[in-house]
């Protein structure tokens, strides 16, 4: 079923193109974090990243803030290594973060959970 668009229709019914930038950021940092932790021989069993992204109220609706929350699962994970992996990704390796860093405030938090 396709919804017909009328003059009052303003609500998005699917992912907006700009949302894909946030998805790309999460994918980029996620890949880096997994790679770095594996190289550090951490026993990672799962990683979930969520984002809270805020956009400017006026066109072009640029992202002003993106907060990423990492849920890192594994066996006896070292919190210092996890935080270092996240920082390295966001500050050095992730090309998406490097691209938007000048316009968007990037922050993160993380939590460790037992192996799944």
C-alpha atoms as a PDB file:
ATOM      1  CA  UNK A   1       0.000   0.000   0.000  1.00  0.00           C
ATOM      2  CA  UNK A   2       1.410   3.380  -0.971  1.00  0.00           C
ATOM      3  CA  UNK A   3       0.415   6.432   1.024  1.00  0.00           C
ATOM      4  CA  UNK A   4      -0.709   9.283  -1.166  1.00  0.00           C
ATOM      5  CA  UNK A   5       0.917  12.604  -0.460  1.00  0.00           C
ATOM      6  CA  UNK A   6      -1.293  15.619   0.104  1.00  0.00           C
ATOM      7  CA  UNK A   7      -0.586  19.283   0.853  1.00  0.00           C
ATOM      8  CA  UNK A   8      -0.449  18.700   4.634  1.00  0.00           C
ATOM      9  CA  UNK A   9       1.891  15.696   4.529  1.00  0.00           C
ATOM     10  CA  UNK A  10       5.177  16.524   6.283  1.00  0.00           C
ATOM     11  CA  UNK A  11       5.953  13.431   8.338  1.00  0.00           C
ATOM     12  CA  UNK A  12       8.687  11.083   7.097  1.00  0.00           C
ATOM     13  CA  UNK A  13       7.615   7.475   6.743  1.00  0.00           C
ATOM     14  CA  UNK A  14      11.079   6.039   6.179  1.00  0.00           C
ATOM     15  CA  UNK A  15      14.740   6.711   6.801  1.00  0.00           C
ATOM     16  CA  UNK A  16      15.801  10.139   5.592  1.00  0.00           C
ATOM     17  CA  UNK A  17      18.974  10.484   3.567  1.00  0.00           C
ATOM     18  CA  UNK A  18      20.596  12.454   6.397  1.00  0.00           C
ATOM     19  CA  UNK A  19      19.897   9.569   8.813  1.00  0.00           C
ATOM     20  CA  UNK A  20      22.179   7.427   6.686  1.00  0.00           C
ATOM     21  CA  UNK A  21      25.069   9.658   7.761  1.00  0.00           C
ATOM     22  CA  UNK A  22      24.455   8.604  11.373  1.00  0.00           C
ATOM     23  CA  UNK A  23      24.227   4.955  10.298  1.00  0.00           C
ATOM     24  CA  UNK A  24      27.532   5.363   8.439  1.00  0.00           C
ATOM     25  CA  UNK A  25      29.136   6.862  11.553  1.00  0.00           C
ATOM     26  CA  UNK A  26      27.984   3.960  13.719  1.00  0.00           C
ATOM     27  CA  UNK A  27      29.147   1.416  11.144  1.00  0.00           C
ATOM     28  CA  UNK A  28      32.519   3.096  10.789  1.00  0.00           C
ATOM     29  CA  UNK A  29      33.237   3.348  14.522  1.00  0.00           C
ATOM     30  CA  UNK A  30      31.823  -0.122  15.159  1.00  0.00           C
ATOM     31  CA  UNK A  31      34.162  -1.684  12.630  1.00  0.00           C
ATOM     32  CA  UNK A  32      37.146   0.134  14.115  1.00  0.00           C
ATOM     33  CA  UNK A  33      36.302  -0.749  17.718  1.00  0.00           C
ATOM     34  CA  UNK A  34      35.910  -4.449  16.905  1.00  0.00           C
ATOM     35  CA  UNK A  35      39.154  -4.464  14.919  1.00  0.00           C
ATOM     36  CA  UNK A  36      41.133  -2.661  17.637  1.00  0.00           C
ATOM     37  CA  UNK A  37      39.802  -4.860  20.457  1.00  0.00           C
ATOM     38  CA  UNK A  38      40.523  -8.024  18.472  1.00  0.00           C
ATOM     39  CA  UNK A  39      44.111  -6.849  17.903  1.00  0.00           C
ATOM     40  CA  UNK A  40      44.385  -6.276  21.657  1.00  0.00           C
ATOM     41  CA  UNK A  41      43.225  -9.868  22.168  1.00  0.00           C
ATOM     42  CA  UNK A  42      40.132  -8.828  24.071  1.00  0.00           C
ATOM     43  CA  UNK A  43      37.428 -11.522  24.074  1.00  0.00           C
ATOM     44  CA  UNK A  44      34.674  -9.488  22.427  1.00  0.00           C
ATOM     45  CA  UNK A  45      31.383 -11.346  21.861  1.00  0.00           C
ATOM     46  CA  UNK A  46      29.049  -8.529  20.903  1.00  0.00           C
ATOM     47  CA  UNK A  47      28.770  -4.830  20.164  1.00  0.00           C
ATOM     48  CA  UNK A  48      25.684  -2.643  19.889  1.00  0.00           C
ATOM     49  CA  UNK A  49      25.870   1.076  19.208  1.00  0.00           C
ATOM     50  CA  UNK A  50      22.944   3.472  19.437  1.00  0.00           C
ATOM     51  CA  UNK A  51      22.892   7.164  18.632  1.00  0.00           C
ATOM     52  CA  UNK A  52      21.013  10.203  19.825  1.00  0.00           C
ATOM     53  CA  UNK A  53      21.373  12.739  17.026  1.00  0.00           C
ATOM     54  CA  UNK A  54      20.197  16.326  17.176  1.00  0.00           C
ATOM     55  CA  UNK A  55      19.700  18.487  14.101  1.00  0.00           C
ATOM     56  CA  UNK A  56      19.433  22.241  13.675  1.00  0.00           C
ATOM     57  CA  UNK A  57      15.806  23.448  13.479  1.00  0.00           C
ATOM     58  CA  UNK A  58      16.296  25.310  10.195  1.00  0.00           C
ATOM     59  CA  UNK A  59      17.552  24.246   6.757  1.00  0.00           C
ATOM     60  CA  UNK A  60      19.862  22.630   5.978  1.00  0.00           C
ATOM     61  CA  UNK A  61      19.108  20.818   9.286  1.00  0.00           C
ATOM     62  CA  UNK A  62      22.737  19.912   9.890  1.00  0.00           C
ATOM     63  CA  UNK A  63      23.561  17.609  12.767  1.00  0.00           C
ATOM     64  CA  UNK A  64      24.655  19.677  15.748  1.00  0.00           C
ATOM     65  CA  UNK A  65      25.265  16.845  18.204  1.00  0.00           C
ATOM     66  CA  UNK A  66      25.554  13.082  17.989  1.00  0.00           C
ATOM     67  CA  UNK A  67      25.930  11.022  21.151  1.00  0.00           C
ATOM     68  CA  UNK A  68      26.908   7.390  20.628  1.00  0.00           C
ATOM     69  CA  UNK A  69      26.344   4.739  23.277  1.00  0.00           C
ATOM     70  CA  UNK A  70      28.354   1.537  22.971  1.00  0.00           C
ATOM     71  CA  UNK A  71      27.226  -1.674  24.673  1.00  0.00           C
ATOM     72  CA  UNK A  72      30.275  -3.921  24.595  1.00  0.00           C
ATOM     73  CA  UNK A  73      29.890  -7.595  25.491  1.00  0.00           C
ATOM     74  CA  UNK A  74      32.716  -9.990  26.208  1.00  0.00           C
ATOM     75  CA  UNK A  75      34.742 -12.033  28.648  1.00  0.00           C
ATOM     76  CA  UNK A  76      36.752 -10.054  31.226  1.00  0.00           C
ATOM     77  CA  UNK A  77      36.946  -6.961  29.029  1.00  0.00           C
ATOM     78  CA  UNK A  78      39.378  -4.276  30.158  1.00  0.00           C
ATOM     79  CA  UNK A  79      37.398  -1.005  30.374  1.00  0.00           C
ATOM     80  CA  UNK A  80      40.546   1.031  29.652  1.00  0.00           C
ATOM     81  CA  UNK A  81      41.132  -0.878  26.402  1.00  0.00           C
ATOM     82  CA  UNK A  82      37.493  -0.474  25.401  1.00  0.00           C
ATOM     83  CA  UNK A  83      37.568   3.281  26.001  1.00  0.00           C
ATOM     84  CA  UNK A  84      40.879   3.601  24.147  1.00  0.00           C
ATOM     85  CA  UNK A  85      39.468   1.679  21.166  1.00  0.00           C
ATOM     86  CA  UNK A  86      36.452   3.998  21.023  1.00  0.00           C
ATOM     87  CA  UNK A  87      38.636   7.119  21.275  1.00  0.00           C
ATOM     88  CA  UNK A  88      41.046   5.879  18.597  1.00  0.00           C
ATOM     89  CA  UNK A  89      38.166   5.195  16.268  1.00  0.00           C
ATOM     90  CA  UNK A  90      36.436   8.524  16.783  1.00  0.00           C
ATOM     91  CA  UNK A  91      39.571  10.684  16.867  1.00  0.00           C
ATOM     92  CA  UNK A  92      41.904   8.937  14.420  1.00  0.00           C
ATOM     93  CA  UNK A  93      40.518   6.160  12.227  1.00  0.00           C
ATOM     94  CA  UNK A  94      36.851   6.772  11.394  1.00  0.00           C
ATOM     95  CA  UNK A  95      36.596   8.801   8.194  1.00  0.00           C
ATOM     96  CA  UNK A  96      32.937   9.649   8.816  1.00  0.00           C
ATOM     97  CA  UNK A  97      33.759  11.122  12.243  1.00  0.00           C
ATOM     98  CA  UNK A  98      36.615  13.091  10.691  1.00  0.00           C
ATOM     99  CA  UNK A  99      34.261  14.450   8.034  1.00  0.00           C
ATOM    100  CA  UNK A 100      31.579  15.766  10.415  1.00  0.00           C
ATOM    101  CA  UNK A 101      33.705  16.627  13.461  1.00  0.00           C
ATOM    102  CA  UNK A 102      34.036  20.315  12.494  1.00  0.00           C
ATOM    103  CA  UNK A 103      30.262  20.795  12.309  1.00  0.00           C
ATOM    104  CA  UNK A 104      28.925  18.262  14.786  1.00  0.00           C
ATOM    105  CA  UNK A 105      29.742  17.749  18.456  1.00  0.00           C
ATOM    106  CA  UNK A 106      30.510  14.031  18.891  1.00  0.00           C
ATOM    107  CA  UNK A 107      30.262  12.427  22.322  1.00  0.00           C
ATOM    108  CA  UNK A 108      30.119   8.853  23.545  1.00  0.00           C
ATOM    109  CA  UNK A 109      29.453   6.636  26.514  1.00  0.00           C
ATOM    110  CA  UNK A 110      29.892   2.913  26.950  1.00  0.00           C
ATOM    111  CA  UNK A 111      28.947   0.047  29.169  1.00  0.00           C
ATOM    112  CA  UNK A 112      30.427  -3.408  29.545  1.00  0.00           C
ATOM    113  CA  UNK A 113      28.288  -6.509  29.758  1.00  0.00           C
ATOM    114  CA  UNK A 114      29.134 -10.175  30.195  1.00  0.00           C
ATOM    115  CA  UNK A 115      29.540 -12.393  27.149  1.00  0.00           C
ATOM    116  CA  UNK A 116      26.348 -13.179  25.261  1.00  0.00           C
END
